[in-house]
């Protein structure tokens, strides 16, 4: 079992930056692949960025490449999403997910609103 708690969301102007954090507890954090998803109003949940267990290989949605950076700190059981050059279309609830084999766990989400 893994418990995930996201933080760092808020209201930001277009072009601004935010850093989301996800604190994990319960199981061996380093063994889990971690990812960030988002869900905008009226839309499905989509993958934003992922980072593999142990080696930390990253992948990104095309829409955020070059603007967002995912990272993890296994010693602190944390995963982060640095978001730069934010756009109104980045507005969504952002969720942290942990996955190991067939097991997956989700956080409760944090709201990001990009608006002037």
C-alpha atoms as a PDB file:
ATOM      1  CA  UNK A   1       0.000   0.000   0.000  1.00  0.00           C
ATOM      2  CA  UNK A   2       1.121   3.500  -0.866  1.00  0.00           C
ATOM      3  CA  UNK A   3      -0.454   6.742   0.266  1.00  0.00           C
ATOM      4  CA  UNK A   4       0.062   9.813  -1.919  1.00  0.00           C
ATOM      5  CA  UNK A   5      -0.519  13.459  -1.022  1.00  0.00           C
ATOM      6  CA  UNK A   6      -0.132  16.203  -3.621  1.00  0.00           C
ATOM      7  CA  UNK A   7       0.528  19.851  -2.875  1.00  0.00           C
ATOM      8  CA  UNK A   8       1.652  23.014  -4.618  1.00  0.00           C
ATOM      9  CA  UNK A   9      -1.316  23.797  -6.822  1.00  0.00           C
ATOM     10  CA  UNK A  10      -2.859  27.228  -7.107  1.00  0.00           C
ATOM     11  CA  UNK A  11      -3.684  30.153  -9.344  1.00  0.00           C
ATOM     12  CA  UNK A  12      -0.959  31.452 -11.646  1.00  0.00           C
ATOM     13  CA  UNK A  13      -0.865  33.856 -14.566  1.00  0.00           C
ATOM     14  CA  UNK A  14      -0.057  32.649 -18.076  1.00  0.00           C
ATOM     15  CA  UNK A  15       3.692  32.347 -18.482  1.00  0.00           C
ATOM     16  CA  UNK A  16       4.178  31.713 -14.789  1.00  0.00           C
ATOM     17  CA  UNK A  17       5.565  28.712 -12.944  1.00  0.00           C
ATOM     18  CA  UNK A  18       4.442  26.279 -10.277  1.00  0.00           C
ATOM     19  CA  UNK A  19       6.077  23.298  -8.636  1.00  0.00           C
ATOM     20  CA  UNK A  20       3.879  20.407  -7.580  1.00  0.00           C
ATOM     21  CA  UNK A  21       4.980  17.949  -4.940  1.00  0.00           C
ATOM     22  CA  UNK A  22       3.758  14.472  -4.145  1.00  0.00           C
ATOM     23  CA  UNK A  23       4.650  12.893  -0.823  1.00  0.00           C
ATOM     24  CA  UNK A  24       4.520   9.096  -0.683  1.00  0.00           C
ATOM     25  CA  UNK A  25       4.366   6.822   2.314  1.00  0.00           C
ATOM     26  CA  UNK A  26       3.799   3.174   3.043  1.00  0.00           C
ATOM     27  CA  UNK A  27       5.871   0.970   0.761  1.00  0.00           C
ATOM     28  CA  UNK A  28       9.331   1.072  -0.806  1.00  0.00           C
ATOM     29  CA  UNK A  29       9.061   4.272  -2.798  1.00  0.00           C
ATOM     30  CA  UNK A  30      12.051   3.625  -5.061  1.00  0.00           C
ATOM     31  CA  UNK A  31      10.410   0.486  -6.441  1.00  0.00           C
ATOM     32  CA  UNK A  32       7.479   2.410  -7.891  1.00  0.00           C
ATOM     33  CA  UNK A  33       7.199   4.143 -11.202  1.00  0.00           C
ATOM     34  CA  UNK A  34       5.733   7.567 -10.555  1.00  0.00           C
ATOM     35  CA  UNK A  35       3.719   9.795 -12.822  1.00  0.00           C
ATOM     36  CA  UNK A  36       1.620  12.921 -12.962  1.00  0.00           C
ATOM     37  CA  UNK A  37      -1.766  12.973 -14.657  1.00  0.00           C
ATOM     38  CA  UNK A  38      -4.222  15.791 -15.114  1.00  0.00           C
ATOM     39  CA  UNK A  39      -7.917  16.135 -15.730  1.00  0.00           C
ATOM     40  CA  UNK A  40      -9.462  19.286 -17.101  1.00  0.00           C
ATOM     41  CA  UNK A  41     -13.197  20.026 -16.707  1.00  0.00           C
ATOM     42  CA  UNK A  42     -15.215  17.875 -19.076  1.00  0.00           C
ATOM     43  CA  UNK A  43     -12.196  15.896 -20.243  1.00  0.00           C
ATOM     44  CA  UNK A  44     -10.617  12.569 -19.457  1.00  0.00           C
ATOM     45  CA  UNK A  45      -7.556  12.055 -17.330  1.00  0.00           C
ATOM     46  CA  UNK A  46      -4.328  12.301 -19.323  1.00  0.00           C
ATOM     47  CA  UNK A  47      -0.704  11.448 -18.638  1.00  0.00           C
ATOM     48  CA  UNK A  48       1.486  14.506 -18.199  1.00  0.00           C
ATOM     49  CA  UNK A  49       4.855  13.027 -17.214  1.00  0.00           C
ATOM     50  CA  UNK A  50       6.330   9.846 -15.814  1.00  0.00           C
ATOM     51  CA  UNK A  51       9.557   8.757 -14.161  1.00  0.00           C
ATOM     52  CA  UNK A  52      10.622   5.157 -13.813  1.00  0.00           C
ATOM     53  CA  UNK A  53      11.674   3.401 -10.649  1.00  0.00           C
ATOM     54  CA  UNK A  54      15.391   3.119  -9.805  1.00  0.00           C
ATOM     55  CA  UNK A  55      16.903   4.540 -13.036  1.00  0.00           C
ATOM     56  CA  UNK A  56      14.609   7.558 -13.198  1.00  0.00           C
ATOM     57  CA  UNK A  57      13.908   7.472 -16.928  1.00  0.00           C
ATOM     58  CA  UNK A  58      11.417  10.202 -17.817  1.00  0.00           C
ATOM     59  CA  UNK A  59       8.722  10.646 -20.436  1.00  0.00           C
ATOM     60  CA  UNK A  60       6.410  13.548 -21.221  1.00  0.00           C
ATOM     61  CA  UNK A  61       3.240  14.336 -23.082  1.00  0.00           C
ATOM     62  CA  UNK A  62       3.979  16.292 -26.242  1.00  0.00           C
ATOM     63  CA  UNK A  63       1.938  19.206 -24.934  1.00  0.00           C
ATOM     64  CA  UNK A  64       4.305  19.782 -21.996  1.00  0.00           C
ATOM     65  CA  UNK A  65       7.703  18.823 -23.419  1.00  0.00           C
ATOM     66  CA  UNK A  66      10.247  21.560 -22.830  1.00  0.00           C
ATOM     67  CA  UNK A  67       8.035  23.262 -20.225  1.00  0.00           C
ATOM     68  CA  UNK A  68       7.524  20.657 -17.483  1.00  0.00           C
ATOM     69  CA  UNK A  69      10.115  18.605 -15.622  1.00  0.00           C
ATOM     70  CA  UNK A  70       9.406  15.567 -13.469  1.00  0.00           C
ATOM     71  CA  UNK A  71      11.878  14.485 -10.812  1.00  0.00           C
ATOM     72  CA  UNK A  72      12.011  12.241  -7.789  1.00  0.00           C
ATOM     73  CA  UNK A  73      13.893  12.091  -4.512  1.00  0.00           C
ATOM     74  CA  UNK A  74      13.875   8.502  -3.317  1.00  0.00           C
ATOM     75  CA  UNK A  75      15.480   9.397   0.012  1.00  0.00           C
ATOM     76  CA  UNK A  76      12.533  11.668   0.793  1.00  0.00           C
ATOM     77  CA  UNK A  77       9.866   9.585  -0.986  1.00  0.00           C
ATOM     78  CA  UNK A  78       8.906  12.592  -3.051  1.00  0.00           C
ATOM     79  CA  UNK A  79       8.108  13.237  -6.681  1.00  0.00           C
ATOM     80  CA  UNK A  80       7.914  16.712  -8.184  1.00  0.00           C
ATOM     81  CA  UNK A  81       6.557  18.402 -11.264  1.00  0.00           C
ATOM     82  CA  UNK A  82       8.168  21.710 -12.169  1.00  0.00           C
ATOM     83  CA  UNK A  83       5.859  23.560 -14.516  1.00  0.00           C
ATOM     84  CA  UNK A  84       7.143  26.566 -16.440  1.00  0.00           C
ATOM     85  CA  UNK A  85       5.633  28.758 -19.163  1.00  0.00           C
ATOM     86  CA  UNK A  86       2.173  27.780 -18.036  1.00  0.00           C
ATOM     87  CA  UNK A  87      -0.742  28.190 -20.414  1.00  0.00           C
ATOM     88  CA  UNK A  88      -4.488  28.456 -19.774  1.00  0.00           C
ATOM     89  CA  UNK A  89      -4.883  24.996 -21.294  1.00  0.00           C
ATOM     90  CA  UNK A  90      -2.753  23.583 -18.466  1.00  0.00           C
ATOM     91  CA  UNK A  91      -5.640  24.300 -16.106  1.00  0.00           C
ATOM     92  CA  UNK A  92      -6.683  21.021 -14.520  1.00  0.00           C
ATOM     93  CA  UNK A  93      -6.629  18.915 -11.408  1.00  0.00           C
ATOM     94  CA  UNK A  94      -3.220  17.255 -11.244  1.00  0.00           C
ATOM     95  CA  UNK A  95      -2.892  13.775  -9.783  1.00  0.00           C
ATOM     96  CA  UNK A  96       0.098  11.797  -8.645  1.00  0.00           C
ATOM     97  CA  UNK A  97       0.164   8.072  -9.400  1.00  0.00           C
ATOM     98  CA  UNK A  98       2.393   5.272  -8.132  1.00  0.00           C
ATOM     99  CA  UNK A  99       2.605   2.000 -10.030  1.00  0.00           C
ATOM    100  CA  UNK A 100       4.401  -1.272  -9.389  1.00  0.00           C
ATOM    101  CA  UNK A 101       3.361  -4.228 -11.484  1.00  0.00           C
ATOM    102  CA  UNK A 102      -0.429  -4.482 -11.359  1.00  0.00           C
ATOM    103  CA  UNK A 103      -0.724  -2.288  -8.269  1.00  0.00           C
ATOM    104  CA  UNK A 104      -1.425   1.389  -8.650  1.00  0.00           C
ATOM    105  CA  UNK A 105      -2.273   4.158  -6.236  1.00  0.00           C
ATOM    106  CA  UNK A 106      -3.544   7.693  -6.711  1.00  0.00           C
ATOM    107  CA  UNK A 107      -3.451  10.880  -4.726  1.00  0.00           C
ATOM    108  CA  UNK A 108      -6.444  13.124  -4.179  1.00  0.00           C
ATOM    109  CA  UNK A 109      -5.305  15.735  -6.683  1.00  0.00           C
ATOM    110  CA  UNK A 110      -4.341  19.384  -6.565  1.00  0.00           C
ATOM    111  CA  UNK A 111      -5.950  22.155  -8.612  1.00  0.00           C
ATOM    112  CA  UNK A 112      -3.862  24.214 -11.009  1.00  0.00           C
ATOM    113  CA  UNK A 113      -5.533  27.234 -12.579  1.00  0.00           C
ATOM    114  CA  UNK A 114      -3.755  29.327 -15.193  1.00  0.00           C
ATOM    115  CA  UNK A 115      -5.581  32.577 -15.744  1.00  0.00           C
ATOM    116  CA  UNK A 116      -4.998  36.290 -15.948  1.00  0.00           C
END
